[in-house]
Amino acid sequence: MLRPAIMLLSTLLALVLAVTPSPPTPALAQADELVYGVIVDTTNPNSMRMAREAGFTHAKMILYWPRLEPSRGHFLWNDTKENDLDNVMKAAQAEHMVMVLRIDQVPDWAGGSPGGADLGAVQEFYAAMASYAQGTVVAYEILNEPNLPFEWGGPPDPAGYTAFLKAAYRGIKSGDPGAMVIGGGPSPNTGGFGGTIEDTDFLNGMYAAGAKGFMDALGIHNYGGNTAPDRDPGDCGICFRRAEMYRALMVKNGDAGTRIWATEFGWLMDPGFGLGQYDWMKVSPQQQADYVVGSYKYARKNWPWMGGMLLSNLDASTSPYHQGPEDGLPWFAILNSDYSPRPAWEAFRDMRAEARSQPTPPPSAPPARSNDPVAATVQQGGPTVRVTGTEGQGVTIRDKPALAGRKLAVAPEGSRLTVVGDDAEADGHTWRNVKTASGVTGWAAAEYLKAE
């Protein structure tokens, strides 16, 4: 749905890099708590500053492959620092943000469209980009809404998309093994009209083609329409809780260990005039604020499998590329065109400030979550540790001591785990070998474990 342009403001960025204060280091893409991210449309220093000040840690931006590799093997970042990839990275680095990238389009020399792409070129491109961007770009969403003909470049093809995903995955993991690969969020609730494929049918087709194991998370574009985030997905097509339908589909396909990331979602603030196809989605400024805050709270309370949420959007209202009379993107934004905050920005900032000020719950009364797969009883036979400091999200148990390790389970905040082996060091973390009450054995980041 979202296709913003990038404004390249290199001179301003150079100034900002010299004077920006140092806020707390943001969480990595695969950290065990819910990631709070936002889609950023421009590299104007004001945008990243306002993202950081609101409490976002991850910025999603969109670039275009033809502008990065105009001919095979000719990567513009090797020619000059004044290129699209360096420009967005400098903008994020200036505010100590990390990035999620989505790369759109395919250059003519590589096939001209995702549906006709040379998969060898896909793998080579993502490998080179991931290697260069390592440390700033921590996750990649692979394509945009590939169940739409105009995005895929022809009749949508779940098997074809899965082949593209596998090529991108192999490239990214060879260039930056710790980076996260997110399966591209399909367009929701299309009904198959206009040559599209319904999103759930497309996802089933991906799994049939072997997508499992080639994405660290599955993306979803669960825009809220004009309803509250807790609206039952059984009686609305475009609604926030459509994520629960994806989760059920993933479990059915044997992929319960993979998380979901909401890589686009949001609510459109009523501008006071007609927006054509977007008219039905309009909500008041206060509703937008309430729904944005409510969505993050709902996910934290109910969705232990939700890894990250990237709000659409921060600043499309400030871009000269989004000034059409029926362009909805500026009204999904939570900033005004002059960078002053809308109520949703202020409400999100207040929510994040309040969450950071809350003390860790006492270990004697951990919150019970009936839909978590891990029990909270004490293990016998070894030293025990308690999960703490995750803001209620729990800690991920992985099959190996690495951020790229497959997710086996989520141990909830306050639960006890048994230490069953020696620690290991990898990816800048200490990993503890633990066993859950239900018998799952794996590795968890030690910073979220407190000895008893």
Protein backbone atom coordinates (compact mmCIF):
# COMPACT_ATOMS: atom_id res chain seq x y z
CA MET A 1 0.00 0.00 0.00
CA LEU A 2 2.72 2.45 0.97
CA ARG A 3 5.11 3.64 -1.77
CA PRO A 4 6.83 6.86 -0.58
CA ALA A 5 9.74 8.65 -2.23
CA ILE A 6 13.06 9.34 -0.49
CA MET A 7 14.29 12.92 -0.20
CA LEU A 8 18.07 13.09 -0.24
CA LEU A 9 19.19 15.86 2.12
CA SER A 10 22.86 15.02 2.57
CA THR A 11 24.14 18.43 3.62
CA LEU A 12 21.64 18.73 6.44
CA LEU A 13 22.43 15.20 7.55
CA ALA A 14 26.11 15.99 7.86
CA LEU A 15 25.29 18.84 10.22
CA VAL A 16 22.94 16.77 12.31
CA LEU A 17 25.46 13.94 12.71
CA ALA A 18 27.75 16.39 14.46
CA VAL A 19 25.26 17.73 17.00
CA THR A 20 22.74 14.98 17.75
CA PRO A 21 22.58 13.82 21.40
CA SER A 22 23.02 10.14 22.23
CA PRO A 23 19.73 8.53 23.31
CA PRO A 24 19.52 4.99 24.70
CA THR A 25 20.65 2.29 22.30
CA PRO A 26 17.62 0.78 20.49
CA ALA A 27 16.74 -2.89 20.57
CA LEU A 28 17.88 -5.09 17.70
CA ALA A 29 15.35 -6.38 15.21
CA GLN A 30 15.27 -9.85 16.73
CA ALA A 31 15.30 -8.84 20.38
CA ASP A 32 12.76 -10.57 22.55
CA GLU A 33 10.54 -7.59 23.34
CA LEU A 34 8.01 -6.07 20.96
CA VAL A 35 9.72 -3.71 18.53
CA TYR A 36 8.19 -0.23 18.28
CA GLY A 37 8.83 1.03 14.77
CA VAL A 38 7.48 3.55 12.29
CA ILE A 39 7.59 4.08 8.53
CA VAL A 40 9.62 7.18 7.69
CA ASP A 41 9.13 8.79 4.31
CA THR A 42 11.98 11.31 4.03
CA THR A 43 15.58 11.75 5.16
CA ASN A 44 14.87 15.20 6.53
CA PRO A 45 16.63 15.32 9.93
CA ASN A 46 13.41 16.47 11.57
CA SER A 47 11.74 13.17 10.71
CA MET A 48 14.22 10.86 12.43
CA ARG A 49 14.44 13.26 15.37
CA MET A 50 10.68 13.20 15.85
CA ALA A 51 10.66 9.41 15.50
CA ARG A 52 13.26 9.05 18.24
CA GLU A 53 11.63 11.62 20.52
CA ALA A 54 8.31 9.77 20.28
CA GLY A 55 9.96 6.56 21.47
CA PHE A 56 10.29 4.60 18.23
CA THR A 57 13.48 2.54 17.91
CA HIS A 58 13.17 1.22 14.35
CA ALA A 59 12.58 3.19 11.14
CA LYS A 60 11.27 1.44 8.05
CA MET A 61 12.19 3.04 4.74
CA ILE A 62 11.65 2.06 1.13
CA LEU A 63 14.30 2.07 -1.58
CA TYR A 64 14.41 1.00 -5.23
CA TRP A 65 16.75 -1.63 -6.62
CA PRO A 66 17.34 0.12 -10.01
CA ARG A 67 18.65 3.19 -8.15
CA LEU A 68 21.14 1.08 -6.19
CA GLU A 69 22.47 -1.33 -8.86
CA PRO A 70 21.96 0.23 -12.32
CA SER A 71 23.94 -2.57 -13.97
CA ARG A 72 24.94 -5.99 -12.71
CA GLY A 73 27.58 -5.78 -10.02
CA HIS A 74 27.68 -1.97 -10.15
CA PHE A 75 26.61 -0.99 -6.65
CA LEU A 76 26.42 2.78 -6.31
CA TRP A 77 27.48 2.72 -2.66
CA ASN A 78 30.93 1.69 -3.90
CA ASP A 79 31.16 4.81 -6.08
CA THR A 80 30.03 7.54 -3.70
CA LYS A 81 28.56 8.07 -0.26
CA GLU A 82 25.86 10.20 -1.91
CA ASN A 83 23.51 7.34 -2.79
CA ASP A 84 20.07 6.31 -1.59
CA LEU A 85 21.26 3.56 0.75
CA ASP A 86 23.90 5.68 2.48
CA ASN A 87 21.50 8.61 2.71
CA VAL A 88 18.85 6.67 4.62
CA MET A 89 21.45 5.02 6.82
CA LYS A 90 23.01 8.37 7.72
CA ALA A 91 19.58 9.71 8.62
CA ALA A 92 18.98 6.79 10.98
CA GLN A 93 22.48 6.85 12.45
CA ALA A 94 22.12 10.54 13.27
CA GLU A 95 19.38 9.66 15.77
CA HIS A 96 20.74 6.27 16.83
CA MET A 97 17.87 4.46 15.13
CA VAL A 98 18.12 1.12 13.39
CA MET A 99 16.41 0.34 10.13
CA VAL A 100 14.04 -2.02 8.39
CA LEU A 101 14.33 -1.78 4.60
CA ARG A 102 11.95 -2.77 1.86
CA ILE A 103 13.37 -2.78 -1.65
CA ASP A 104 10.89 -2.27 -4.49
CA GLN A 105 11.17 -2.74 -8.26
CA VAL A 106 13.60 -4.82 -10.31
CA PRO A 107 16.03 -3.23 -12.80
CA ASP A 108 15.49 -3.99 -16.48
CA TRP A 109 18.80 -5.80 -16.72
CA ALA A 110 17.61 -8.23 -13.97
CA GLY A 111 14.20 -8.93 -15.50
CA GLY A 112 12.25 -5.70 -15.01
CA SER A 113 9.72 -7.03 -12.48
CA PRO A 114 9.66 -9.39 -9.48
CA GLY A 115 7.77 -11.96 -11.53
CA GLY A 116 10.47 -12.01 -14.19
CA ALA A 117 13.50 -11.47 -11.95
CA ASP A 118 16.81 -13.28 -12.41
CA LEU A 119 16.99 -15.08 -9.05
CA GLY A 120 20.77 -15.22 -9.17
CA ALA A 121 20.83 -11.44 -9.47
CA VAL A 122 18.36 -11.18 -6.59
CA GLN A 123 20.61 -13.22 -4.33
CA GLU A 124 23.74 -11.29 -5.34
CA PHE A 125 22.07 -7.92 -4.78
CA TYR A 126 20.73 -8.73 -1.33
CA ALA A 127 24.06 -10.28 -0.29
CA ALA A 128 26.01 -7.17 -1.27
CA MET A 129 23.49 -4.78 0.30
CA ALA A 130 23.22 -6.72 3.57
CA SER A 131 26.99 -6.87 3.91
CA TYR A 132 27.33 -3.13 3.33
CA ALA A 133 24.41 -2.11 5.57
CA GLN A 134 25.24 -4.46 8.46
CA GLY A 135 24.81 -2.81 11.84
CA THR A 136 22.34 -0.14 10.72
CA VAL A 137 19.85 -2.18 8.69
CA VAL A 138 18.71 -5.01 10.93
CA ALA A 139 15.78 -6.37 8.90
CA TYR A 140 14.52 -6.60 5.32
CA GLU A 141 10.92 -6.98 4.17
CA ILE A 142 10.96 -8.81 0.85
CA LEU A 143 8.78 -6.95 -1.66
CA ASN A 144 5.44 -5.23 -1.22
CA GLU A 145 2.04 -6.95 -1.44
CA PRO A 146 3.11 -9.56 -4.01
CA ASN A 147 -0.49 -10.83 -4.33
CA LEU A 148 -1.27 -7.75 -6.49
CA PRO A 149 -0.62 -7.91 -10.25
CA PHE A 150 0.89 -4.43 -10.48
CA GLU A 151 3.34 -5.17 -7.66
CA TRP A 152 4.36 -8.60 -8.97
CA GLY A 153 4.51 -7.53 -12.60
CA GLY A 154 1.94 -10.01 -13.88
CA PRO A 155 -0.50 -12.56 -12.47
CA PRO A 156 0.48 -13.13 -8.82
CA ASP A 157 2.25 -16.41 -8.20
CA PRO A 158 2.81 -17.69 -4.62
CA ALA A 159 5.38 -20.23 -5.81
CA GLY A 160 7.19 -17.58 -7.84
CA TYR A 161 7.22 -15.22 -4.88
CA THR A 162 8.54 -18.00 -2.63
CA ALA A 163 11.42 -18.57 -5.06
CA PHE A 164 12.20 -14.84 -4.93
CA LEU A 165 11.98 -14.92 -1.11
CA LYS A 166 14.39 -17.86 -0.93
CA ALA A 167 16.91 -16.09 -3.16
CA ALA A 168 16.71 -12.91 -1.07
CA TYR A 169 16.97 -14.93 2.16
CA ARG A 170 20.10 -16.73 1.01
CA GLY A 171 21.66 -13.46 -0.08
CA ILE A 172 20.87 -11.59 3.12
CA LYS A 173 22.09 -14.41 5.36
CA SER A 174 25.36 -14.66 3.44
CA GLY A 175 25.92 -10.90 3.71
CA ASP A 176 24.70 -10.43 7.29
CA PRO A 177 23.76 -13.64 9.13
CA GLY A 178 22.22 -11.69 11.99
CA ALA A 179 19.82 -9.69 9.82
CA MET A 180 16.15 -10.56 9.88
CA VAL A 181 14.23 -11.56 6.75
CA ILE A 182 10.53 -10.70 6.76
CA GLY A 183 8.16 -12.27 4.25
CA GLY A 184 6.47 -9.46 2.33
CA GLY A 185 3.05 -8.53 3.67
CA PRO A 186 0.31 -9.25 1.11
CA SER A 187 -2.53 -6.84 0.42
CA PRO A 188 -5.36 -7.85 2.79
CA ASN A 189 -8.90 -8.85 1.92
CA THR A 190 -8.68 -8.39 -1.86
CA GLY A 191 -11.40 -10.95 -2.54
CA GLY A 192 -9.47 -12.04 -5.61
CA PHE A 193 -10.77 -9.09 -7.62
CA GLY A 194 -8.84 -7.60 -10.52
CA GLY A 195 -6.52 -10.55 -10.87
CA THR A 196 -5.39 -10.42 -7.25
CA ILE A 197 -5.09 -13.43 -4.95
CA GLU A 198 -6.74 -13.27 -1.53
CA ASP A 199 -4.04 -12.79 1.10
CA THR A 200 -4.76 -15.98 3.04
CA ASP A 201 -4.84 -18.03 -0.17
CA PHE A 202 -1.54 -16.49 -1.20
CA LEU A 203 0.04 -17.37 2.14
CA ASN A 204 -1.15 -20.97 1.91
CA GLY A 205 0.39 -21.09 -1.55
CA MET A 206 3.68 -19.82 -0.15
CA TYR A 207 3.75 -22.57 2.45
CA ALA A 208 2.90 -25.17 -0.18
CA ALA A 209 5.90 -23.90 -2.16
CA GLY A 210 8.26 -24.29 0.82
CA ALA A 211 8.39 -20.80 2.36
CA LYS A 212 8.81 -22.20 5.88
CA GLY A 213 12.38 -21.77 7.01
CA PHE A 214 13.09 -18.93 4.57
CA MET A 215 11.68 -16.08 6.64
CA ASP A 216 12.42 -15.07 10.21
CA ALA A 217 9.01 -13.41 10.40
CA LEU A 218 5.94 -13.01 8.23
CA GLY A 219 4.84 -9.48 7.37
CA ILE A 220 1.26 -8.29 7.57
CA HIS A 221 -0.34 -5.01 6.47
CA ASN A 222 -3.13 -5.00 9.04
CA TYR A 223 -4.52 -1.51 8.59
CA GLY A 224 -7.35 -0.78 10.98
CA GLY A 225 -9.88 0.63 8.53
CA ASN A 226 -12.29 2.79 10.50
CA THR A 227 -12.64 0.46 13.48
CA ALA A 228 -10.96 0.12 16.87
CA PRO A 229 -7.98 -2.24 17.15
CA ASP A 230 -9.90 -4.76 19.24
CA ARG A 231 -12.58 -5.26 16.57
CA ASP A 232 -13.29 -8.96 15.96
CA PRO A 233 -11.65 -9.96 12.64
CA GLY A 234 -14.59 -12.23 11.91
CA ASP A 235 -16.79 -9.29 10.97
CA CYS A 236 -14.38 -6.96 9.17
CA GLY A 237 -12.03 -7.45 6.24
CA ILE A 238 -9.65 -4.55 6.79
CA CYS A 239 -8.97 -4.59 10.52
CA PHE A 240 -6.05 -4.74 12.90
CA ARG A 241 -6.79 -8.18 14.30
CA ARG A 242 -6.51 -9.80 10.88
CA ALA A 243 -3.10 -10.74 12.24
CA GLU A 244 -4.85 -13.48 14.22
CA MET A 245 -6.01 -15.08 10.97
CA TYR A 246 -2.40 -15.14 9.75
CA ARG A 247 -1.26 -16.67 13.01
CA ALA A 248 -3.84 -19.46 12.78
CA LEU A 249 -2.77 -20.12 9.18
CA MET A 250 0.90 -20.30 10.19
CA VAL A 251 0.18 -22.73 13.02
CA LYS A 252 -1.86 -24.89 10.64
CA ASN A 253 1.11 -24.98 8.28
CA GLY A 254 3.48 -26.08 11.03
CA ASP A 255 5.19 -22.70 11.40
CA ALA A 256 4.21 -21.72 14.95
CA GLY A 257 7.83 -20.90 15.75
CA THR A 258 7.92 -17.96 13.31
CA ARG A 259 6.71 -14.59 14.49
CA ILE A 260 4.58 -12.03 12.67
CA TRP A 261 5.65 -8.43 12.09
CA ALA A 262 3.07 -5.75 11.33
CA THR A 263 5.15 -3.99 8.68
CA GLU A 264 2.34 -1.56 7.75
CA PHE A 265 -0.67 -0.61 9.82
CA GLY A 266 -2.41 2.56 10.90
CA TRP A 267 -5.49 4.75 10.79
CA LEU A 268 -6.31 7.63 8.47
CA MET A 269 -7.06 10.98 10.12
CA ASP A 270 -10.02 12.82 8.57
CA PRO A 271 -8.64 15.90 6.75
CA GLY A 272 -12.09 17.47 6.41
CA PHE A 273 -12.41 16.86 2.67
CA GLY A 274 -12.97 13.94 0.34
CA LEU A 275 -10.27 11.33 -0.24
CA GLY A 276 -11.95 9.16 -2.87
CA GLN A 277 -11.15 5.50 -2.23
CA TYR A 278 -9.95 6.32 1.28
CA ASP A 279 -13.10 8.10 2.44
CA TRP A 280 -14.49 5.10 4.27
CA MET A 281 -11.32 4.79 6.38
CA LYS A 282 -11.42 8.27 7.92
CA VAL A 283 -11.38 8.64 11.70
CA SER A 284 -11.12 11.72 13.92
CA PRO A 285 -7.72 12.94 15.17
CA GLN A 286 -8.54 11.70 18.66
CA GLN A 287 -9.66 8.33 17.34
CA GLN A 288 -6.42 8.00 15.41
CA ALA A 289 -4.50 8.68 18.63
CA ASP A 290 -6.59 6.25 20.67
CA TYR A 291 -6.42 3.50 18.05
CA VAL A 292 -2.65 3.77 17.55
CA VAL A 293 -1.98 3.50 21.29
CA GLY A 294 -4.64 0.82 21.67
CA SER A 295 -3.08 -1.29 18.93
CA TYR A 296 0.29 -1.53 20.63
CA LYS A 297 -1.34 -2.26 23.98
CA TYR A 298 -3.57 -4.95 22.46
CA ALA A 299 -0.60 -6.65 20.80
CA ARG A 300 1.49 -6.60 23.96
CA LYS A 301 -1.32 -8.08 26.00
CA ASN A 302 -2.60 -10.71 23.58
CA TRP A 303 0.00 -11.55 20.94
CA PRO A 304 3.24 -13.10 22.24
CA TRP A 305 3.98 -14.09 18.63
CA MET A 306 4.03 -10.48 17.39
CA GLY A 307 7.66 -9.47 17.01
CA GLY A 308 7.44 -5.90 15.76
CA MET A 309 4.95 -3.22 14.73
CA LEU A 310 5.87 -0.54 12.17
CA LEU A 311 3.25 2.20 12.18
CA SER A 312 2.23 3.79 8.90
CA ASN A 313 3.38 6.46 9.00
CA LEU A 314 5.40 9.28 10.55
CA ASP A 315 5.85 11.99 7.97
CA ALA A 316 4.28 11.48 4.52
CA SER A 317 2.49 14.77 5.22
CA THR A 318 5.84 16.57 4.88
CA SER A 319 6.79 15.12 1.49
CA PRO A 320 6.22 17.06 -1.75
CA TYR A 321 5.58 13.71 -3.44
CA HIS A 322 2.32 13.16 -1.53
CA GLN A 323 0.27 16.25 -2.30
CA GLY A 324 -2.42 14.82 -4.58
CA PRO A 325 -6.03 15.75 -3.79
CA GLU A 326 -6.92 12.13 -2.97
CA ASP A 327 -3.57 10.90 -1.62
CA GLY A 328 -4.26 9.18 1.69
CA LEU A 329 -0.68 8.80 2.91
CA PRO A 330 -0.35 12.30 4.41
CA TRP A 331 -3.39 11.57 6.58
CA PHE A 332 -2.08 8.29 7.93
CA ALA A 333 0.89 10.36 9.16
CA ILE A 334 1.20 11.35 12.82
CA LEU A 335 3.04 14.60 12.01
CA ASN A 336 1.67 17.67 10.28
CA SER A 337 3.33 19.10 7.18
CA ASP A 338 5.36 21.52 9.36
CA TYR A 339 6.57 18.66 11.59
CA SER A 340 4.34 19.67 14.46
CA PRO A 341 2.84 16.64 16.21
CA ARG A 342 -0.67 15.36 15.70
CA PRO A 343 -2.54 13.89 18.68
CA ALA A 344 -1.42 10.38 17.70
CA TRP A 345 2.26 11.33 17.98
CA GLU A 346 1.72 12.82 21.42
CA ALA A 347 -0.33 9.85 22.61
CA PHE A 348 2.31 7.38 21.44
CA ARG A 349 5.08 9.39 23.12
CA ASP A 350 3.15 9.41 26.40
CA MET A 351 2.51 5.66 26.19
CA ARG A 352 6.20 4.93 25.67
CA ALA A 353 7.27 7.25 28.47
CA GLU A 354 4.81 5.62 30.85
CA ALA A 355 5.96 2.10 29.92
CA ARG A 356 9.62 2.97 30.51
CA SER A 357 8.79 4.40 33.93
CA GLN A 358 7.02 1.26 35.16
CA PRO A 359 9.01 -0.99 37.52
CA THR A 360 9.47 -4.65 36.68
CA PRO A 361 6.61 -6.67 38.26
CA PRO A 362 7.61 -8.50 41.46
CA PRO A 363 8.60 -12.11 40.82
CA SER A 364 6.08 -13.39 43.35
CA ALA A 365 3.16 -12.57 41.10
CA PRO A 366 4.02 -13.02 37.40
CA PRO A 367 1.16 -12.22 35.01
CA ALA A 368 -0.54 -15.32 33.64
CA ARG A 369 -1.18 -15.48 29.88
CA SER A 370 -3.32 -18.40 28.88
CA ASN A 371 -2.30 -18.31 25.22
CA ASP A 372 1.44 -18.56 25.90
CA PRO A 373 2.93 -21.96 25.09
CA VAL A 374 5.25 -22.00 28.11
CA ALA A 375 4.13 -22.79 31.63
CA ALA A 376 5.42 -20.82 34.61
CA THR A 377 6.24 -23.61 37.04
CA VAL A 378 9.62 -24.27 38.61
CA GLN A 379 11.94 -26.76 36.95
CA GLN A 380 13.79 -29.31 39.04
CA GLY A 381 17.35 -30.58 38.73
CA GLY A 382 19.44 -27.43 38.16
CA PRO A 383 19.81 -23.73 38.99
CA THR A 384 16.81 -21.63 38.07
CA VAL A 385 16.51 -18.19 36.51
CA ARG A 386 13.50 -15.95 36.17
CA VAL A 387 12.49 -14.05 33.02
CA THR A 388 12.54 -10.33 33.73
CA GLY A 389 12.97 -6.94 32.05
CA THR A 390 10.96 -7.76 28.91
CA GLU A 391 8.08 -5.31 29.53
CA GLY A 392 5.67 -8.23 29.66
CA GLN A 393 6.69 -9.69 26.29
CA GLY A 394 8.66 -12.71 27.49
CA VAL A 395 11.99 -14.03 26.22
CA THR A 396 12.44 -16.06 23.05
CA ILE A 397 13.94 -19.54 23.35
CA ARG A 398 16.06 -20.27 20.26
CA ASP A 399 17.53 -23.47 18.87
CA LYS A 400 21.08 -22.09 18.89
CA PRO A 401 22.92 -19.25 20.67
CA ALA A 402 22.47 -16.62 17.95
CA LEU A 403 19.99 -13.96 16.86
CA ALA A 404 19.44 -16.01 13.71
CA GLY A 405 18.46 -19.05 15.77
CA ARG A 406 15.04 -20.52 15.09
CA LYS A 407 12.40 -19.57 17.65
CA LEU A 408 11.24 -22.56 19.67
CA ALA A 409 9.04 -20.91 22.29
CA VAL A 410 8.39 -17.73 24.26
CA ALA A 411 8.87 -17.91 28.04
CA PRO A 412 6.61 -15.28 29.62
CA GLU A 413 7.69 -12.50 31.96
CA GLY A 414 8.09 -13.85 35.48
CA SER A 415 8.38 -17.51 34.49
CA ARG A 416 11.21 -19.73 35.76
CA LEU A 417 13.65 -21.63 33.57
CA THR A 418 16.23 -24.28 34.43
CA VAL A 419 19.85 -23.74 33.39
CA VAL A 420 21.03 -26.95 31.71
CA GLY A 421 24.42 -26.06 30.24
CA ASP A 422 27.23 -23.54 29.90
CA ASP A 423 26.79 -20.02 28.51
CA ALA A 424 27.83 -19.04 25.00
CA GLU A 425 28.82 -15.69 23.49
CA ALA A 426 27.51 -14.60 20.07
CA ASP A 427 26.17 -11.49 18.30
CA GLY A 428 27.17 -9.29 21.23
CA HIS A 429 25.01 -11.25 23.69
CA THR A 430 25.56 -13.84 26.37
CA TRP A 431 23.28 -16.80 25.69
CA ARG A 432 22.10 -19.13 28.45
CA ASN A 433 21.24 -22.76 27.79
CA VAL A 434 17.87 -23.28 29.49
CA LYS A 435 14.88 -25.58 29.69
CA THR A 436 11.26 -24.48 30.09
CA ALA A 437 8.64 -26.08 32.33
CA SER A 438 7.09 -27.74 29.29
CA GLY A 439 10.40 -29.34 28.33
CA VAL A 440 11.60 -27.06 25.54
CA THR A 441 15.41 -26.78 25.65
CA GLY A 442 17.23 -23.97 23.89
CA TRP A 443 19.04 -20.66 24.26
CA ALA A 444 17.86 -17.32 25.67
CA ALA A 445 19.54 -13.93 25.97
CA ALA A 446 21.02 -13.77 29.48
CA GLU A 447 20.20 -10.09 29.98
CA TYR A 448 16.55 -11.10 30.38
CA LEU A 449 17.29 -13.82 32.95
CA LYS A 450 17.80 -13.21 36.67
CA ALA A 451 19.39 -15.84 38.90
CA GLU A 452 17.32 -16.96 41.89
